[in-house]
Amino acid sequence: MYNLIVLAARPSNWTREQFIDWWRGEHAEVTYPLPGLLRWQHTEILESGDERSAGWDGLSVLSFASKEALDAALASPEWKAAVAHVGAMRGRRMIWFGDERTMVPLTGTAP
């Protein structure tokens, strides 16, 4: 899999709950149609491991079959719509792209 990874922090005038609800709700609705999107995992960051890691609210990993599939999604009207939806929100974000390798497979069943 080839992933688009987004680390984000809410705008200063938004609550954490408002930001997570927006990300998993309203913003998700315009992101789901991305062509080639195979999986989307979202983590609400509730704690940080040290003071240098503080100040972030969520992490999304959007997975595609290949770099070419991600590139096609990034060139699509659906991506343009998702970016436009973020608009001038003024939150912080960092974005990376990379190849995923499973180091420890999921085992057992979720409770």
N, C-alpha and C. Protein backbone atom coordinates (compact mmCIF):
# COMPACT_ATOMS: atom_id res chain seq x y z
N MET A 1 0.85 -1.18 0.00
CA MET A 1 0.00 0.00 0.00
C MET A 1 0.89 1.24 0.00
N TYR A 2 0.33 2.28 -0.55
CA TYR A 2 1.00 3.58 -0.56
C TYR A 2 0.09 4.56 0.17
N ASN A 3 0.62 5.26 1.15
CA ASN A 3 -0.20 6.06 2.05
C ASN A 3 0.02 7.56 1.93
N LEU A 4 -1.05 8.28 2.16
CA LEU A 4 -1.02 9.72 2.40
C LEU A 4 -1.29 9.86 3.90
N ILE A 5 -0.39 10.49 4.61
CA ILE A 5 -0.49 10.62 6.07
C ILE A 5 -0.63 12.09 6.42
N VAL A 6 -1.64 12.42 7.20
CA VAL A 6 -1.90 13.80 7.60
C VAL A 6 -1.94 13.89 9.11
N LEU A 7 -1.10 14.75 9.67
CA LEU A 7 -1.11 15.08 11.09
C LEU A 7 -1.69 16.48 11.19
N ALA A 8 -2.72 16.67 12.01
CA ALA A 8 -3.39 17.98 12.03
C ALA A 8 -3.72 18.44 13.44
N ALA A 9 -3.79 19.76 13.55
CA ALA A 9 -4.21 20.42 14.79
C ALA A 9 -5.34 21.38 14.45
N ARG A 10 -6.27 21.49 15.35
CA ARG A 10 -7.45 22.32 15.12
C ARG A 10 -7.10 23.81 15.10
N PRO A 11 -7.97 24.60 14.48
CA PRO A 11 -7.80 26.05 14.58
C PRO A 11 -7.96 26.49 16.03
N SER A 12 -7.35 27.57 16.39
CA SER A 12 -7.36 28.02 17.79
C SER A 12 -8.75 28.34 18.31
N ASN A 13 -9.68 28.66 17.42
CA ASN A 13 -11.03 29.01 17.87
C ASN A 13 -12.00 27.82 17.84
N TRP A 14 -11.50 26.60 17.60
CA TRP A 14 -12.33 25.40 17.59
C TRP A 14 -12.01 24.56 18.82
N THR A 15 -13.01 23.85 19.34
CA THR A 15 -12.76 22.87 20.40
C THR A 15 -12.25 21.58 19.75
N ARG A 16 -11.62 20.75 20.57
CA ARG A 16 -11.17 19.44 20.06
C ARG A 16 -12.35 18.64 19.53
N GLU A 17 -13.44 18.60 20.29
CA GLU A 17 -14.62 17.84 19.87
C GLU A 17 -15.16 18.36 18.54
N GLN A 18 -15.23 19.67 18.39
CA GLN A 18 -15.72 20.26 17.14
C GLN A 18 -14.83 19.84 15.97
N PHE A 19 -13.51 19.85 16.16
CA PHE A 19 -12.57 19.50 15.10
C PHE A 19 -12.68 18.03 14.72
N ILE A 20 -12.71 17.14 15.71
CA ILE A 20 -12.81 15.71 15.43
C ILE A 20 -14.15 15.39 14.78
N ASP A 21 -15.22 15.98 15.27
CA ASP A 21 -16.54 15.76 14.66
C ASP A 21 -16.55 16.23 13.20
N TRP A 22 -15.93 17.38 12.92
CA TRP A 22 -15.85 17.89 11.55
C TRP A 22 -15.03 16.95 10.68
N TRP A 23 -13.87 16.50 11.19
CA TRP A 23 -12.96 15.65 10.42
C TRP A 23 -13.60 14.30 10.10
N ARG A 24 -14.24 13.69 11.10
CA ARG A 24 -14.84 12.36 10.92
C ARG A 24 -16.23 12.41 10.31
N GLY A 25 -16.81 13.60 10.22
CA GLY A 25 -18.15 13.75 9.69
C GLY A 25 -18.18 14.51 8.39
N GLU A 26 -18.34 15.81 8.51
CA GLU A 26 -18.50 16.67 7.33
C GLU A 26 -17.33 16.54 6.35
N HIS A 27 -16.09 16.58 6.85
CA HIS A 27 -14.94 16.48 5.95
C HIS A 27 -14.80 15.07 5.38
N ALA A 28 -15.13 14.07 6.18
CA ALA A 28 -15.06 12.68 5.69
C ALA A 28 -15.98 12.49 4.49
N GLU A 29 -17.14 13.10 4.53
CA GLU A 29 -18.10 12.92 3.42
C GLU A 29 -17.54 13.39 2.08
N VAL A 30 -16.70 14.43 2.08
CA VAL A 30 -16.11 14.88 0.81
C VAL A 30 -14.82 14.14 0.50
N THR A 31 -14.29 13.37 1.46
CA THR A 31 -13.06 12.61 1.24
C THR A 31 -13.34 11.18 0.78
N TYR A 32 -14.43 10.58 1.23
CA TYR A 32 -14.75 9.20 0.85
C TYR A 32 -14.72 8.96 -0.66
N PRO A 33 -15.16 9.89 -1.50
CA PRO A 33 -15.20 9.60 -2.93
C PRO A 33 -13.84 9.61 -3.66
N LEU A 34 -12.73 9.84 -2.94
CA LEU A 34 -11.44 9.87 -3.63
C LEU A 34 -11.25 8.59 -4.45
N PRO A 35 -10.92 8.72 -5.72
CA PRO A 35 -10.73 7.53 -6.54
C PRO A 35 -9.54 6.71 -6.05
N GLY A 36 -9.73 5.41 -5.96
CA GLY A 36 -8.65 4.52 -5.56
C GLY A 36 -8.44 4.39 -4.07
N LEU A 37 -9.22 5.09 -3.25
CA LEU A 37 -9.05 5.01 -1.80
C LEU A 37 -9.46 3.62 -1.32
N LEU A 38 -8.50 2.89 -0.74
CA LEU A 38 -8.75 1.53 -0.28
C LEU A 38 -9.09 1.45 1.20
N ARG A 39 -8.50 2.37 1.99
CA ARG A 39 -8.69 2.32 3.44
C ARG A 39 -8.40 3.72 3.98
N TRP A 40 -9.10 4.06 5.05
CA TRP A 40 -8.82 5.32 5.74
C TRP A 40 -8.89 5.04 7.22
N GLN A 41 -7.79 5.27 7.91
CA GLN A 41 -7.76 5.13 9.36
C GLN A 41 -7.55 6.52 9.96
N HIS A 42 -8.29 6.79 11.00
CA HIS A 42 -8.17 8.09 11.67
C HIS A 42 -7.98 7.86 13.16
N THR A 43 -7.01 8.55 13.73
CA THR A 43 -6.74 8.46 15.16
C THR A 43 -6.91 9.84 15.78
N GLU A 44 -7.79 9.92 16.77
CA GLU A 44 -7.87 11.14 17.58
C GLU A 44 -6.74 11.06 18.59
N ILE A 45 -5.85 12.02 18.59
CA ILE A 45 -4.71 12.02 19.50
C ILE A 45 -5.19 12.53 20.86
N LEU A 46 -5.12 11.67 21.85
CA LEU A 46 -5.61 12.00 23.19
C LEU A 46 -4.49 12.30 24.17
N GLU A 47 -3.30 11.77 23.91
CA GLU A 47 -2.16 11.99 24.79
C GLU A 47 -0.91 12.10 23.93
N SER A 48 0.09 12.80 24.44
CA SER A 48 1.37 12.85 23.75
C SER A 48 2.44 12.23 24.65
N GLY A 49 3.47 11.68 24.01
CA GLY A 49 4.52 11.00 24.76
C GLY A 49 5.52 11.94 25.41
N ASP A 50 5.61 13.17 24.90
CA ASP A 50 6.50 14.16 25.49
C ASP A 50 6.06 15.55 25.06
N GLU A 51 6.66 16.57 25.65
CA GLU A 51 6.21 17.95 25.37
C GLU A 51 6.45 18.36 23.92
N ARG A 52 7.42 17.77 23.25
CA ARG A 52 7.67 18.11 21.84
C ARG A 52 6.59 17.57 20.92
N SER A 53 5.83 16.59 21.38
CA SER A 53 4.78 15.97 20.57
C SER A 53 3.40 16.56 20.85
N ALA A 54 3.29 17.44 21.80
CA ALA A 54 1.99 18.00 22.19
C ALA A 54 1.46 18.96 21.12
N GLY A 55 0.15 19.17 21.17
CA GLY A 55 -0.46 20.18 20.32
C GLY A 55 -1.09 19.67 19.05
N TRP A 56 -1.15 18.35 18.86
CA TRP A 56 -1.77 17.78 17.67
C TRP A 56 -3.07 17.09 18.07
N ASP A 57 -4.06 17.12 17.18
CA ASP A 57 -5.38 16.58 17.50
C ASP A 57 -5.71 15.27 16.80
N GLY A 58 -5.16 15.04 15.61
CA GLY A 58 -5.52 13.83 14.89
C GLY A 58 -4.53 13.46 13.82
N LEU A 59 -4.61 12.19 13.43
CA LEU A 59 -3.75 11.63 12.40
C LEU A 59 -4.61 10.78 11.47
N SER A 60 -4.52 11.03 10.17
CA SER A 60 -5.22 10.23 9.18
C SER A 60 -4.22 9.52 8.29
N VAL A 61 -4.53 8.27 7.96
CA VAL A 61 -3.74 7.51 6.99
C VAL A 61 -4.72 7.04 5.92
N LEU A 62 -4.54 7.58 4.71
CA LEU A 62 -5.36 7.21 3.57
C LEU A 62 -4.52 6.31 2.68
N SER A 63 -5.01 5.10 2.40
CA SER A 63 -4.22 4.09 1.71
C SER A 63 -4.72 3.84 0.29
N PHE A 64 -3.74 3.68 -0.60
CA PHE A 64 -3.97 3.44 -2.02
C PHE A 64 -3.12 2.25 -2.45
N ALA A 65 -3.43 1.63 -3.57
CA ALA A 65 -2.72 0.45 -4.04
C ALA A 65 -1.27 0.74 -4.41
N SER A 66 -0.98 1.96 -4.87
CA SER A 66 0.35 2.29 -5.36
C SER A 66 0.55 3.80 -5.35
N LYS A 67 1.77 4.23 -5.59
CA LYS A 67 2.05 5.66 -5.73
C LYS A 67 1.27 6.23 -6.90
N GLU A 68 1.17 5.47 -7.98
CA GLU A 68 0.42 5.93 -9.15
C GLU A 68 -1.06 6.14 -8.83
N ALA A 69 -1.63 5.24 -8.02
CA ALA A 69 -3.03 5.39 -7.62
C ALA A 69 -3.21 6.63 -6.75
N LEU A 70 -2.26 6.89 -5.85
CA LEU A 70 -2.33 8.11 -5.03
C LEU A 70 -2.19 9.33 -5.92
N ASP A 71 -1.23 9.31 -6.84
CA ASP A 71 -1.05 10.45 -7.75
C ASP A 71 -2.32 10.74 -8.53
N ALA A 72 -3.00 9.68 -8.98
CA ALA A 72 -4.26 9.87 -9.71
C ALA A 72 -5.32 10.50 -8.81
N ALA A 73 -5.38 10.07 -7.54
CA ALA A 73 -6.34 10.66 -6.60
C ALA A 73 -6.03 12.14 -6.39
N LEU A 74 -4.73 12.47 -6.25
CA LEU A 74 -4.34 13.86 -6.00
C LEU A 74 -4.61 14.76 -7.21
N ALA A 75 -4.74 14.18 -8.39
CA ALA A 75 -5.03 14.95 -9.60
C ALA A 75 -6.53 15.02 -9.89
N SER A 76 -7.34 14.40 -9.06
CA SER A 76 -8.78 14.28 -9.33
C SER A 76 -9.59 15.48 -8.85
N PRO A 77 -10.76 15.66 -9.44
CA PRO A 77 -11.68 16.69 -8.94
C PRO A 77 -12.13 16.42 -7.50
N GLU A 78 -12.18 15.15 -7.12
CA GLU A 78 -12.57 14.81 -5.75
C GLU A 78 -11.54 15.33 -4.75
N TRP A 79 -10.24 15.24 -5.08
CA TRP A 79 -9.21 15.79 -4.21
C TRP A 79 -9.34 17.30 -4.13
N LYS A 80 -9.56 17.94 -5.26
CA LYS A 80 -9.72 19.39 -5.27
C LYS A 80 -10.89 19.80 -4.38
N ALA A 81 -11.97 19.01 -4.41
CA ALA A 81 -13.13 19.30 -3.56
C ALA A 81 -12.78 19.14 -2.07
N ALA A 82 -12.00 18.10 -1.74
CA ALA A 82 -11.62 17.88 -0.34
C ALA A 82 -10.72 19.02 0.15
N VAL A 83 -9.78 19.45 -0.69
CA VAL A 83 -8.90 20.57 -0.32
C VAL A 83 -9.71 21.85 -0.17
N ALA A 84 -10.63 22.09 -1.09
CA ALA A 84 -11.48 23.29 -1.00
C ALA A 84 -12.32 23.27 0.27
N HIS A 85 -12.75 22.08 0.68
CA HIS A 85 -13.56 21.97 1.88
C HIS A 85 -12.78 22.40 3.12
N VAL A 86 -11.49 22.11 3.15
CA VAL A 86 -10.66 22.55 4.28
C VAL A 86 -10.61 24.07 4.29
N GLY A 87 -10.50 24.67 3.09
CA GLY A 87 -10.58 26.11 2.94
C GLY A 87 -9.60 26.87 3.81
N ALA A 88 -10.07 27.92 4.39
CA ALA A 88 -9.25 28.80 5.21
C ALA A 88 -9.43 28.51 6.70
N MET A 89 -9.54 27.24 7.04
CA MET A 89 -9.80 26.84 8.42
C MET A 89 -8.72 27.33 9.38
N ARG A 90 -7.48 27.41 8.92
CA ARG A 90 -6.36 27.93 9.71
C ARG A 90 -5.81 26.97 10.75
N GLY A 91 -6.16 25.70 10.66
CA GLY A 91 -5.52 24.72 11.53
C GLY A 91 -4.13 24.41 10.98
N ARG A 92 -3.33 23.71 11.77
CA ARG A 92 -2.00 23.31 11.31
C ARG A 92 -2.06 21.89 10.76
N ARG A 93 -1.19 21.60 9.79
CA ARG A 93 -1.12 20.23 9.29
C ARG A 93 0.25 19.96 8.72
N MET A 94 0.59 18.67 8.73
CA MET A 94 1.80 18.17 8.09
C MET A 94 1.36 16.98 7.26
N ILE A 95 1.92 16.83 6.06
CA ILE A 95 1.50 15.76 5.14
C ILE A 95 2.73 15.02 4.63
N TRP A 96 2.62 13.69 4.62
CA TRP A 96 3.68 12.83 4.08
C TRP A 96 3.06 11.79 3.16
N PHE A 97 3.90 11.23 2.28
CA PHE A 97 3.51 10.14 1.40
C PHE A 97 4.54 9.02 1.59
N GLY A 98 4.09 7.77 1.59
CA GLY A 98 5.06 6.70 1.75
C GLY A 98 4.50 5.31 1.58
N ASP A 99 5.42 4.37 1.41
CA ASP A 99 5.13 2.97 1.21
C ASP A 99 4.91 2.29 2.56
N GLU A 100 3.83 1.57 2.71
CA GLU A 100 3.49 0.89 3.97
C GLU A 100 4.02 -0.53 3.97
N ARG A 101 4.60 -0.92 5.09
CA ARG A 101 5.01 -2.31 5.31
C ARG A 101 4.47 -2.74 6.66
N THR A 102 3.81 -3.88 6.70
CA THR A 102 3.30 -4.42 7.96
C THR A 102 4.45 -5.09 8.69
N MET A 103 4.74 -4.60 9.88
CA MET A 103 5.83 -5.14 10.68
C MET A 103 5.32 -6.18 11.69
N VAL A 104 4.11 -5.98 12.19
CA VAL A 104 3.44 -6.93 13.06
C VAL A 104 1.99 -6.99 12.59
N PRO A 105 1.54 -8.13 12.11
CA PRO A 105 0.16 -8.21 11.61
C PRO A 105 -0.86 -8.15 12.75
N LEU A 106 -2.05 -7.69 12.42
CA LEU A 106 -3.14 -7.65 13.37
C LEU A 106 -3.47 -9.07 13.80
N THR A 107 -3.57 -9.30 15.11
CA THR A 107 -3.87 -10.63 15.62
C THR A 107 -5.06 -10.54 16.55
N GLY A 108 -5.71 -11.68 16.75
CA GLY A 108 -6.84 -11.72 17.68
C GLY A 108 -8.05 -11.02 17.12
N THR A 109 -9.01 -10.80 18.01
CA THR A 109 -10.23 -10.11 17.62
C THR A 109 -10.43 -8.91 18.53
N ALA A 110 -11.03 -7.91 17.98
CA ALA A 110 -11.31 -6.71 18.77
C ALA A 110 -12.42 -6.99 19.76
N PRO A 111 -12.38 -6.35 20.92
CA PRO A 111 -13.44 -6.56 21.93
C PRO A 111 -14.77 -6.03 21.46
